[in-house]
C-alpha atoms as a PDB file:
ATOM      1  CA  MET A   1     123.456  98.192  98.033  1.00  0.00           C
ATOM      2  CA  ASP A   2     123.423  97.458 101.774  1.00  0.00           C
ATOM      3  CA  ASP A   3     121.178 100.483 102.378  1.00  0.00           C
ATOM      4  CA  LYS A   4     118.663  99.226  99.836  1.00  0.00           C
ATOM      5  CA  LEU A   5     118.671  95.738 101.368  1.00  0.00           C
ATOM      6  CA  SER A   6     118.423  97.202 104.856  1.00  0.00           C
ATOM      7  CA  ARG A   7     115.464  99.350 103.781  1.00  0.00           C
ATOM      8  CA  LYS A   8     113.745  96.335 102.201  1.00  0.00           C
ATOM      9  CA  ARG A   9     114.188  94.339 105.389  1.00  0.00           C
ATOM     10  CA  ARG A  10     112.913  97.207 107.526  1.00  0.00           C
ATOM     11  CA  VAL A  11     109.829  97.657 105.320  1.00  0.00           C
ATOM     12  CA  ALA A  12     109.175  93.892 105.302  1.00  0.00           C
ATOM     13  CA  LYS A  13     109.331  93.910 109.105  1.00  0.00           C
ATOM     14  CA  GLN A  14     106.954  96.882 109.266  1.00  0.00           C
ATOM     15  CA  VAL A  15     104.498  95.176 106.888  1.00  0.00           C
ATOM     16  CA  ALA A  16     104.638  92.016 109.034  1.00  0.00           C
ATOM     17  CA  ILE A  17     103.924  94.059 112.180  1.00  0.00           C
ATOM     18  CA  VAL A  18     100.911  95.732 110.577  1.00  0.00           C
ATOM     19  CA  ARG A  19      99.698  92.456 109.052  1.00  0.00           C
ATOM     20  CA  ASP A  20      99.784  90.766 112.464  1.00  0.00           C
ATOM     21  CA  ALA A  21      98.044  93.724 114.117  1.00  0.00           C
ATOM     22  CA  LEU A  22      95.260  93.674 111.512  1.00  0.00           C
ATOM     23  CA  ARG A  23      94.748  89.946 111.987  1.00  0.00           C
ATOM     24  CA  LYS A  24      94.492  90.450 115.748  1.00  0.00           C
ATOM     25  CA  TRP A  25      92.206  93.472 115.462  1.00  0.00           C
ATOM     26  CA  ASP A  26      90.042  91.788 112.766  1.00  0.00           C
ATOM     27  CA  PRO A  27      88.331  95.022 111.631  1.00  0.00           C
ATOM     28  CA  MET A  28      85.678  93.217 109.598  1.00  0.00           C
ATOM     29  CA  GLY A  29      84.972  90.487 112.135  1.00  0.00           C
ATOM     30  CA  LEU A  30      85.954  87.723 109.697  1.00  0.00           C
ATOM     31  CA  ALA A  31      88.135  85.601 112.019  1.00  0.00           C
ATOM     32  CA  PRO A  32      91.110  85.183 109.661  1.00  0.00           C
ATOM     33  CA  GLY A  33      92.583  81.722 109.869  1.00  0.00           C
ATOM     34  CA  ARG A  34      89.380  80.283 111.290  1.00  0.00           C
ATOM     35  CA  MET A  35      86.406  81.480 109.263  1.00  0.00           C
ATOM     36  CA  ALA A  36      88.265  83.394 106.548  1.00  0.00           C
ATOM     37  CA  PRO A  37      91.651  82.978 104.845  1.00  0.00           C
ATOM     38  CA  ALA A  38      94.537  83.788 107.214  1.00  0.00           C
ATOM     39  CA  ASP A  39      95.790  86.419 104.769  1.00  0.00           C
ATOM     40  CA  GLU A  40      92.431  88.224 104.579  1.00  0.00           C
ATOM     41  CA  TYR A  41      93.871  91.614 105.615  1.00  0.00           C
ATOM     42  CA  ASP A  42      97.435  91.230 104.312  1.00  0.00           C
ATOM     43  CA  GLY A  43      96.785  93.404 101.267  1.00  0.00           C
ATOM     44  CA  TYR A  44      96.104  96.426 103.473  1.00  0.00           C
ATOM     45  CA  ALA A  45      99.416  96.264 105.348  1.00  0.00           C
ATOM     46  CA  PRO A  46     101.711  97.843 102.692  1.00  0.00           C
ATOM     47  CA  ALA A  47      99.349 100.805 102.259  1.00  0.00           C
ATOM     48  CA  ILE A  48      99.235 101.358 106.015  1.00  0.00           C
ATOM     49  CA  VAL A  49     103.034 101.235 106.274  1.00  0.00           C
ATOM     50  CA  SER A  50     103.231 103.709 103.395  1.00  0.00           C
ATOM     51  CA  LEU A  51     100.795 106.083 105.088  1.00  0.00           C
ATOM     52  CA  ILE A  52     102.777 105.946 108.335  1.00  0.00           C
ATOM     53  CA  SER A  53     106.108 106.344 106.534  1.00  0.00           C
ATOM     54  CA  ARG A  54     104.787 109.461 104.810  1.00  0.00           C
ATOM     55  CA  GLY A  55     103.957 110.929 108.211  1.00  0.00           C
ATOM     56  CA  CYS A  56     100.200 110.546 108.413  1.00  0.00           C
ATOM     57  CA  THR A  57      98.514 111.662 111.586  1.00  0.00           C
ATOM     58  CA  VAL A  58      96.692 109.301 113.913  1.00  0.00           C
ATOM     59  CA  ALA A  59      93.446 110.892 112.695  1.00  0.00           C
ATOM     60  CA  GLU A  60      94.301 110.176 109.051  1.00  0.00           C
ATOM     61  CA  LEU A  61      95.284 106.598 109.821  1.00  0.00           C
ATOM     62  CA  SER A  62      92.207 106.144 111.961  1.00  0.00           C
ATOM     63  CA  GLU A  63      90.054 107.349 109.052  1.00  0.00           C
ATOM     64  CA  TYR A  64      91.717 104.806 106.749  1.00  0.00           C
ATOM     65  CA  LEU A  65      91.169 102.038 109.308  1.00  0.00           C
ATOM     66  CA  GLU A  66      87.548 103.053 109.726  1.00  0.00           C
ATOM     67  CA  ARG A  67      87.024 102.508 105.998  1.00  0.00           C
ATOM     68  CA  LEU A  68      88.190  98.909 106.462  1.00  0.00           C
ATOM     69  CA  ARG A  69      85.389  98.175 108.834  1.00  0.00           C
ATOM     70  CA  THR A  70      81.943  97.089 107.705  1.00  0.00           C
ATOM     71  CA  SER A  71      78.661  98.242 109.143  1.00  0.00           C
ATOM     72  CA  ASP A  72      77.835  94.814 110.597  1.00  0.00           C
ATOM     73  CA  THR A  73      81.100  94.284 112.458  1.00  0.00           C
ATOM     74  CA  THR A  74      81.210  93.941 116.210  1.00  0.00           C
ATOM     75  CA  VAL A  75      84.817  95.031 116.718  1.00  0.00           C
ATOM     76  CA  ASP A  76      85.302  96.577 120.135  1.00  0.00           C
ATOM     77  CA  GLU A  77      88.643  98.320 119.628  1.00  0.00           C
ATOM     78  CA  PRO A  78      88.264 101.768 118.064  1.00  0.00           C
ATOM     79  CA  PRO A  79      90.344 102.562 114.956  1.00  0.00           C
ATOM     80  CA  ALA A  80      92.120 105.426 116.752  1.00  0.00           C
ATOM     81  CA  ALA A  81      93.573 103.009 119.315  1.00  0.00           C
ATOM     82  CA  VAL A  82      94.757 100.676 116.564  1.00  0.00           C
ATOM     83  CA  ALA A  83      96.162 103.662 114.627  1.00  0.00           C
ATOM     84  CA  GLU A  84      98.206 104.747 117.647  1.00  0.00           C
ATOM     85  CA  ARG A  85      99.561 101.224 118.171  1.00  0.00           C
ATOM     86  CA  LEU A  86     100.434 100.761 114.479  1.00  0.00           C
ATOM     87  CA  ARG A  87     102.256 104.097 114.225  1.00  0.00           C
ATOM     88  CA  ALA A  88     104.252 103.333 117.349  1.00  0.00           C
ATOM     89  CA  ALA A  89     105.160  99.817 116.227  1.00  0.00           C
ATOM     90  CA  VAL A  90     106.249 100.843 112.735  1.00  0.00           C
ATOM     91  CA  SER A  91     108.104 103.913 114.001  1.00  0.00           C
ATOM     92  CA  ARG A  92     110.173 101.757 116.363  1.00  0.00           C
ATOM     93  CA  THR A  93     111.592  99.915 113.336  1.00  0.00           C
ATOM     94  CA  ASP A  94     112.794 103.182 111.744  1.00  0.00           C
ATOM     95  CA  ALA A  95     115.543 103.638 114.295  1.00  0.00           C
END
């Protein structure tokens, strides 16, 4: 039972890390918490954690992140940089 609870806590922490990173990155340029609901990107976080947990490459994650962006966004940070940061952050919680 402790392993299951520990896993749930670890996954919740990973989802929170990704959620916060998405809010900061703001891939669609919506300004969550100011011009859009604060939880605008929260629904993407579990899928991203799942992709990373299954061992996706930075290229695969970057491709997923690219699909989140819209054509009229002015986001400066490339998806590959965000993908690297997300994989590193989530992987640190696996230890």
